[in-house]
Amino acid sequence: MIHGHDIRYKKLFSNVELLEQLVRTFVAEPFVADLDFSEAVKIDKSFISAIYTLVPVL
């Protein structure tokens, strides 16, 4: 089952320009300067940890 918030996060992080801006703004680590977002590849998959599948949706 895909929950509404999963779909929104998937859409949010599938936008490479927005992803780059978020990472460069909020990740204060030296390696971020070396990231090449032009090489980003969208993977059309959904990964949800088993522990979250056991939590009832309210």
PDB file of N, CA and C in Angstrom:
ATOM      1  N   MET A   1       0.851  -1.183   0.000  1.00  0.00           N
ATOM      2  CA  MET A   1       0.000   0.000   0.000  1.00  0.00           C
ATOM      3  C   MET A   1       0.895   1.245   0.000  1.00  0.00           C
ATOM      4  N   ILE A   2       0.613   2.167  -0.885  1.00  0.00           N
ATOM      5  CA  ILE A   2       1.356   3.425  -0.928  1.00  0.00           C
ATOM      6  C   ILE A   2       0.515   4.489  -0.243  1.00  0.00           C
ATOM      7  N   HIS A   3       1.104   5.135   0.746  1.00  0.00           N
ATOM      8  CA  HIS A   3       0.409   6.176   1.485  1.00  0.00           C
ATOM      9  C   HIS A   3       0.627   7.524   0.808  1.00  0.00           C
ATOM     10  N   GLY A   4      -0.275   8.474   1.072  1.00  0.00           N
ATOM     11  CA  GLY A   4      -0.204   9.795   0.450  1.00  0.00           C
ATOM     12  C   GLY A   4       1.113  10.500   0.666  1.00  0.00           C
ATOM     13  N   HIS A   5       1.663  10.400   1.889  1.00  0.00           N
ATOM     14  CA  HIS A   5       2.932  11.085   2.151  1.00  0.00           C
ATOM     15  C   HIS A   5       4.068  10.438   1.367  1.00  0.00           C
ATOM     16  N   ASP A   6       3.997   9.132   1.109  1.00  0.00           N
ATOM     17  CA  ASP A   6       5.024   8.461   0.308  1.00  0.00           C
ATOM     18  C   ASP A   6       5.047   9.021  -1.111  1.00  0.00           C
ATOM     19  N   ILE A   7       3.872   9.218  -1.670  1.00  0.00           N
ATOM     20  CA  ILE A   7       3.755   9.751  -3.027  1.00  0.00           C
ATOM     21  C   ILE A   7       4.313  11.165  -3.089  1.00  0.00           C
ATOM     22  N   ARG A   8       4.004  11.975  -2.072  1.00  0.00           N
ATOM     23  CA  ARG A   8       4.494  13.363  -2.067  1.00  0.00           C
ATOM     24  C   ARG A   8       6.014  13.423  -1.932  1.00  0.00           C
ATOM     25  N   TYR A   9       6.584  12.587  -1.058  1.00  0.00           N
ATOM     26  CA  TYR A   9       8.046  12.557  -0.925  1.00  0.00           C
ATOM     27  C   TYR A   9       8.699  12.068  -2.203  1.00  0.00           C
ATOM     28  N   LYS A  10       8.121  11.064  -2.821  1.00  0.00           N
ATOM     29  CA  LYS A  10       8.673  10.541  -4.066  1.00  0.00           C
ATOM     30  C   LYS A  10       8.677  11.634  -5.142  1.00  0.00           C
ATOM     31  N   LYS A  11       7.577  12.378  -5.227  1.00  0.00           N
ATOM     32  CA  LYS A  11       7.502  13.469  -6.207  1.00  0.00           C
ATOM     33  C   LYS A  11       8.495  14.574  -5.868  1.00  0.00           C
ATOM     34  N   LEU A  12       8.581  14.941  -4.601  1.00  0.00           N
ATOM     35  CA  LEU A  12       9.504  15.989  -4.157  1.00  0.00           C
ATOM     36  C   LEU A  12      10.946  15.657  -4.526  1.00  0.00           C
ATOM     37  N   PHE A  13      11.375  14.446  -4.188  1.00  0.00           N
ATOM     38  CA  PHE A  13      12.768  14.078  -4.410  1.00  0.00           C
ATOM     39  C   PHE A  13      13.067  13.615  -5.824  1.00  0.00           C
ATOM     40  N   SER A  14      12.064  13.535  -6.690  1.00  0.00           N
ATOM     41  CA  SER A  14      12.321  13.193  -8.083  1.00  0.00           C
ATOM     42  C   SER A  14      12.695  14.427  -8.900  1.00  0.00           C
ATOM     43  N   ASN A  15      12.539  15.608  -8.337  1.00  0.00           N
ATOM     44  CA  ASN A  15      12.922  16.847  -8.992  1.00  0.00           C
ATOM     45  C   ASN A  15      14.390  17.116  -8.658  1.00  0.00           C
ATOM     46  N   VAL A  16      15.277  16.891  -9.624  1.00  0.00           N
ATOM     47  CA  VAL A  16      16.721  16.965  -9.381  1.00  0.00           C
ATOM     48  C   VAL A  16      17.159  18.353  -8.932  1.00  0.00           C
ATOM     49  N   GLU A  17      16.598  19.390  -9.528  1.00  0.00           N
ATOM     50  CA  GLU A  17      16.986  20.749  -9.151  1.00  0.00           C
ATOM     51  C   GLU A  17      16.611  21.039  -7.695  1.00  0.00           C
ATOM     52  N   LEU A  18      15.423  20.615  -7.308  1.00  0.00           N
ATOM     53  CA  LEU A  18      14.982  20.824  -5.935  1.00  0.00           C
ATOM     54  C   LEU A  18      15.808  19.976  -4.974  1.00  0.00           C
ATOM     55  N   LEU A  19      16.088  18.743  -5.355  1.00  0.00           N
ATOM     56  CA  LEU A  19      16.925  17.867  -4.530  1.00  0.00           C
ATOM     57  C   LEU A  19      18.300  18.493  -4.303  1.00  0.00           C
ATOM     58  N   GLU A  20      18.890  19.016  -5.358  1.00  0.00           N
ATOM     59  CA  GLU A  20      20.196  19.654  -5.227  1.00  0.00           C
ATOM     60  C   GLU A  20      20.134  20.840  -4.268  1.00  0.00           C
ATOM     61  N   GLN A  21      19.123  21.663  -4.424  1.00  0.00           N
ATOM     62  CA  GLN A  21      18.984  22.829  -3.549  1.00  0.00           C
ATOM     63  C   GLN A  21      18.808  22.405  -2.087  1.00  0.00           C
ATOM     64  N   LEU A  22      17.992  21.400  -1.845  1.00  0.00           N
ATOM     65  CA  LEU A  22      17.784  20.906  -0.480  1.00  0.00           C
ATOM     66  C   LEU A  22      19.078  20.377   0.128  1.00  0.00           C
ATOM     67  N   VAL A  23      19.794  19.559  -0.638  1.00  0.00           N
ATOM     68  CA  VAL A  23      21.035  18.971  -0.125  1.00  0.00           C
ATOM     69  C   VAL A  23      22.068  20.059   0.146  1.00  0.00           C
ATOM     70  N   ARG A  24      22.255  20.950  -0.801  1.00  0.00           N
ATOM     71  CA  ARG A  24      23.269  22.002  -0.623  1.00  0.00           C
ATOM     72  C   ARG A  24      22.900  22.967   0.517  1.00  0.00           C
ATOM     73  N   THR A  25      21.618  23.129   0.790  1.00  0.00           N
ATOM     74  CA  THR A  25      21.173  24.026   1.850  1.00  0.00           C
ATOM     75  C   THR A  25      21.238  23.387   3.231  1.00  0.00           C
ATOM     76  N   PHE A  26      20.851  22.122   3.326  1.00  0.00           N
ATOM     77  CA  PHE A  26      20.672  21.516   4.641  1.00  0.00           C
ATOM     78  C   PHE A  26      21.731  20.500   5.065  1.00  0.00           C
ATOM     79  N   VAL A  27      22.594  20.070   4.156  1.00  0.00           N
ATOM     80  CA  VAL A  27      23.639  19.113   4.521  1.00  0.00           C
ATOM     81  C   VAL A  27      24.965  19.866   4.596  1.00  0.00           C
ATOM     82  N   ALA A  28      25.405  20.119   5.805  1.00  0.00           N
ATOM     83  CA  ALA A  28      26.631  20.896   6.026  1.00  0.00           C
ATOM     84  C   ALA A  28      27.825  19.951   6.158  1.00  0.00           C
ATOM     85  N   GLU A  29      28.132  19.266   5.064  1.00  0.00           N
ATOM     86  CA  GLU A  29      29.261  18.335   5.039  1.00  0.00           C
ATOM     87  C   GLU A  29      30.132  18.652   3.829  1.00  0.00           C
ATOM     88  N   PRO A  30      31.442  18.477   3.955  1.00  0.00           N
ATOM     89  CA  PRO A  30      32.346  18.801   2.848  1.00  0.00           C
ATOM     90  C   PRO A  30      32.070  18.034   1.555  1.00  0.00           C
ATOM     91  N   PHE A  31      31.611  16.787   1.645  1.00  0.00           N
ATOM     92  CA  PHE A  31      31.403  15.976   0.447  1.00  0.00           C
ATOM     93  C   PHE A  31      30.336  16.557  -0.482  1.00  0.00           C
ATOM     94  N   VAL A  32      29.457  17.398   0.044  1.00  0.00           N
ATOM     95  CA  VAL A  32      28.374  17.961  -0.767  1.00  0.00           C
ATOM     96  C   VAL A  32      28.936  18.775  -1.931  1.00  0.00           C
ATOM     97  N   ALA A  33      30.054  19.434  -1.730  1.00  0.00           N
ATOM     98  CA  ALA A  33      30.673  20.240  -2.796  1.00  0.00           C
ATOM     99  C   ALA A  33      31.104  19.367  -3.971  1.00  0.00           C
ATOM    100  N   ASP A  34      31.340  18.089  -3.730  1.00  0.00           N
ATOM    101  CA  ASP A  34      31.798  17.178  -4.784  1.00  0.00           C
ATOM    102  C   ASP A  34      30.667  16.463  -5.512  1.00  0.00           C
ATOM    103  N   LEU A  35      29.442  16.643  -5.069  1.00  0.00           N
ATOM    104  CA  LEU A  35      28.320  15.951  -5.701  1.00  0.00           C
ATOM    105  C   LEU A  35      28.019  16.543  -7.070  1.00  0.00           C
ATOM    106  N   ASP A  36      27.764  15.671  -8.034  1.00  0.00           N
ATOM    107  CA  ASP A  36      27.425  16.090  -9.391  1.00  0.00           C
ATOM    108  C   ASP A  36      25.974  15.670  -9.661  1.00  0.00           C
ATOM    109  N   PHE A  37      25.063  16.583  -9.476  1.00  0.00           N
ATOM    110  CA  PHE A  37      23.650  16.274  -9.620  1.00  0.00           C
ATOM    111  C   PHE A  37      23.245  16.074 -11.076  1.00  0.00           C
ATOM    112  N   SER A  38      24.102  16.456 -12.011  1.00  0.00           N
ATOM    113  CA  SER A  38      23.786  16.202 -13.423  1.00  0.00           C
ATOM    114  C   SER A  38      23.871  14.712 -13.737  1.00  0.00           C
ATOM    115  N   GLU A  39      24.482  13.945 -12.855  1.00  0.00           N
ATOM    116  CA  GLU A  39      24.591  12.498 -13.031  1.00  0.00           C
ATOM    117  C   GLU A  39      23.474  11.741 -12.301  1.00  0.00           C
ATOM    118  N   ALA A  40      22.552  12.478 -11.693  1.00  0.00           N
ATOM    119  CA  ALA A  40      21.469  11.834 -10.938  1.00  0.00           C
ATOM    120  C   ALA A  40      20.585  11.020 -11.878  1.00  0.00           C
ATOM    121  N   VAL A  41      20.171   9.857 -11.401  1.00  0.00           N
ATOM    122  CA  VAL A  41      19.312   8.972 -12.175  1.00  0.00           C
ATOM    123  C   VAL A  41      18.074   8.663 -11.343  1.00  0.00           C
ATOM    124  N   LYS A  42      16.923   8.865 -11.940  1.00  0.00           N
ATOM    125  CA  LYS A  42      15.673   8.566 -11.246  1.00  0.00           C
ATOM    126  C   LYS A  42      15.427   7.062 -11.299  1.00  0.00           C
ATOM    127  N   ILE A  43      15.193   6.482 -10.127  1.00  0.00           N
ATOM    128  CA  ILE A  43      14.885   5.065 -10.032  1.00  0.00           C
ATOM    129  C   ILE A  43      13.421   4.956  -9.628  1.00  0.00           C
ATOM    130  N   ASP A  44      12.621   4.367 -10.474  1.00  0.00           N
ATOM    131  CA  ASP A  44      11.188   4.300 -10.238  1.00  0.00           C
ATOM    132  C   ASP A  44      10.849   3.110  -9.332  1.00  0.00           C
ATOM    133  N   LYS A  45      11.186   3.253  -8.074  1.00  0.00           N
ATOM    134  CA  LYS A  45      10.922   2.201  -7.086  1.00  0.00           C
ATOM    135  C   LYS A  45      10.411   2.832  -5.807  1.00  0.00           C
ATOM    136  N   SER A  46       9.819   2.015  -4.960  1.00  0.00           N
ATOM    137  CA  SER A  46       9.346   2.465  -3.663  1.00  0.00           C
ATOM    138  C   SER A  46       9.885   1.513  -2.610  1.00  0.00           C
ATOM    139  N   PHE A  47      10.560   2.041  -1.623  1.00  0.00           N
ATOM    140  CA  PHE A  47      11.142   1.225  -0.576  1.00  0.00           C
ATOM    141  C   PHE A  47      10.591   1.684   0.764  1.00  0.00           C
ATOM    142  N   ILE A  48       9.903   0.792   1.427  1.00  0.00           N
ATOM    143  CA  ILE A  48       9.351   1.094   2.745  1.00  0.00           C
ATOM    144  C   ILE A  48       9.812  -0.001   3.696  1.00  0.00           C
ATOM    145  N   SER A  49      10.442   0.394   4.777  1.00  0.00           N
ATOM    146  CA  SER A  49      10.919  -0.554   5.767  1.00  0.00           C
ATOM    147  C   SER A  49       9.761  -1.385   6.311  1.00  0.00           C
ATOM    148  N   ALA A  50      10.028  -2.637   6.603  1.00  0.00           N
ATOM    149  CA  ALA A  50       8.999  -3.541   7.116  1.00  0.00           C
ATOM    150  C   ALA A  50       8.387  -3.036   8.415  1.00  0.00           C
ATOM    151  N   ILE A  51       9.164  -2.330   9.220  1.00  0.00           N
ATOM    152  CA  ILE A  51       8.605  -1.851  10.487  1.00  0.00           C
ATOM    153  C   ILE A  51       7.495  -0.823  10.259  1.00  0.00           C
ATOM    154  N   TYR A  52       7.552  -0.102   9.151  1.00  0.00           N
ATOM    155  CA  TYR A  52       6.528   0.899   8.876  1.00  0.00           C
ATOM    156  C   TYR A  52       5.276   0.275   8.247  1.00  0.00           C
ATOM    157  N   THR A  53       5.402  -0.898   7.702  1.00  0.00           N
ATOM    158  CA  THR A  53       4.215  -1.550   7.141  1.00  0.00           C
ATOM    159  C   THR A  53       3.330  -2.115   8.236  1.00  0.00           C
ATOM    160  N   LEU A  54       3.879  -2.231   9.445  1.00  0.00           N
ATOM    161  CA  LEU A  54       3.114  -2.761  10.581  1.00  0.00           C
ATOM    162  C   LEU A  54       2.370  -1.672  11.347  1.00  0.00           C
ATOM    163  N   VAL A  55       2.682  -0.421  11.058  1.00  0.00           N
ATOM    164  CA  VAL A  55       2.055   0.700  11.756  1.00  0.00           C
ATOM    165  C   VAL A  55       0.733   1.036  11.072  1.00  0.00           C
ATOM    166  N   PRO A  56      -0.371   1.036  11.802  1.00  0.00           N
ATOM    167  CA  PRO A  56      -1.655   1.365  11.167  1.00  0.00           C
ATOM    168  C   PRO A  56      -1.702   2.832  10.737  1.00  0.00           C
ATOM    169  N   VAL A  57      -2.331   3.070   9.624  1.00  0.00           N
ATOM    170  CA  VAL A  57      -2.488   4.429   9.103  1.00  0.00           C
ATOM    171  C   VAL A  57      -3.751   5.015   9.713  1.00  0.00           C
ATOM    172  N   LEU A  58      -3.611   6.194  10.287  1.00  0.00           N
ATOM    173  CA  LEU A  58      -4.764   6.855  10.895  1.00  0.00           C
ATOM    174  C   LEU A  58      -5.455   7.772   9.920  1.00  0.00           C
TER     175      LEU A  58
END
